[in-house]
């Protein structure tokens, strides 16, 4: 049976225990941040959302300009 030409090198599995530990530490840090500073956390999320929507709007304006 022929090998898949789209995979020129073997892909690693799920990433191992280190990836899981780092993920759990990240989630724990987020929980502690939200519990200790809920107002600031909410403001950071709100600011991040605003920046993301501004970026989407800018890309949309750029693509609209290209289409004209």
Protein backbone atom coordinates (compact mmCIF):
# COMPACT_ATOMS: atom_id res chain seq x y z
CA UNK A 1 0.00 0.00 0.00
CA UNK A 2 1.38 3.45 -0.94
CA UNK A 3 2.07 6.06 1.67
CA UNK A 4 0.03 9.25 1.82
CA UNK A 5 1.96 11.91 -0.18
CA UNK A 6 0.43 14.71 1.92
CA UNK A 7 2.32 13.57 5.04
CA UNK A 8 6.06 13.66 4.24
CA UNK A 9 7.03 13.22 7.89
CA UNK A 10 5.37 11.40 10.77
CA UNK A 11 3.07 13.53 12.91
CA UNK A 12 3.41 13.40 16.68
CA UNK A 13 0.48 12.27 18.80
CA UNK A 14 -1.49 14.29 21.33
CA UNK A 15 1.48 16.18 22.79
CA UNK A 16 2.07 14.34 26.02
CA UNK A 17 1.75 15.18 29.67
CA UNK A 18 3.60 18.52 29.52
CA UNK A 19 0.98 20.00 27.23
CA UNK A 20 -1.81 18.89 29.57
CA UNK A 21 -0.04 20.26 32.65
CA UNK A 22 0.57 23.62 30.96
CA UNK A 23 -3.06 23.77 29.87
CA UNK A 24 -4.28 23.05 33.39
CA UNK A 25 -1.94 25.70 34.82
CA UNK A 26 -3.23 28.24 32.32
CA UNK A 27 -6.86 27.48 33.18
CA UNK A 28 -6.08 27.65 36.91
CA UNK A 29 -4.40 31.04 36.44
CA UNK A 30 -7.46 32.34 34.58
CA UNK A 31 -9.79 31.13 37.35
CA UNK A 32 -7.65 32.78 40.04
CA UNK A 33 -7.53 36.00 38.04
CA UNK A 34 -11.31 36.09 37.59
CA UNK A 35 -11.97 35.28 41.26
CA UNK A 36 -9.47 37.81 42.65
CA UNK A 37 -10.06 40.63 40.15
CA UNK A 38 -13.45 40.17 38.48
CA UNK A 39 -13.91 43.81 37.42
CA UNK A 40 -10.49 44.08 35.81
CA UNK A 41 -10.90 40.68 34.14
CA UNK A 42 -14.21 41.73 32.63
CA UNK A 43 -12.67 44.97 31.37
CA UNK A 44 -9.77 43.07 29.76
CA UNK A 45 -12.19 40.77 27.97
CA UNK A 46 -14.26 43.75 26.85
CA UNK A 47 -11.15 45.57 25.58
CA UNK A 48 -9.93 42.44 23.79
CA UNK A 49 -13.30 42.00 22.10
CA UNK A 50 -13.25 45.64 21.01
CA UNK A 51 -9.78 45.25 19.48
CA UNK A 52 -10.81 42.04 17.69
CA UNK A 53 -13.95 43.66 16.24
CA UNK A 54 -11.92 46.69 15.15
CA UNK A 55 -9.50 44.38 13.34
CA UNK A 56 -12.35 42.55 11.60
CA UNK A 57 -13.88 45.89 10.59
CA UNK A 58 -10.53 47.07 9.19
CA UNK A 59 -10.08 43.89 7.16
CA UNK A 60 -13.64 44.20 5.89
CA UNK A 61 -13.04 47.80 4.83
CA UNK A 62 -9.81 46.80 3.07
CA UNK A 63 -11.46 43.94 1.17
CA UNK A 64 -14.40 46.13 0.22
CA UNK A 65 -11.94 48.69 -1.15
CA UNK A 66 -10.23 46.02 -3.23
CA UNK A 67 -13.53 44.87 -4.69
CA UNK A 68 -14.41 48.33 -6.04
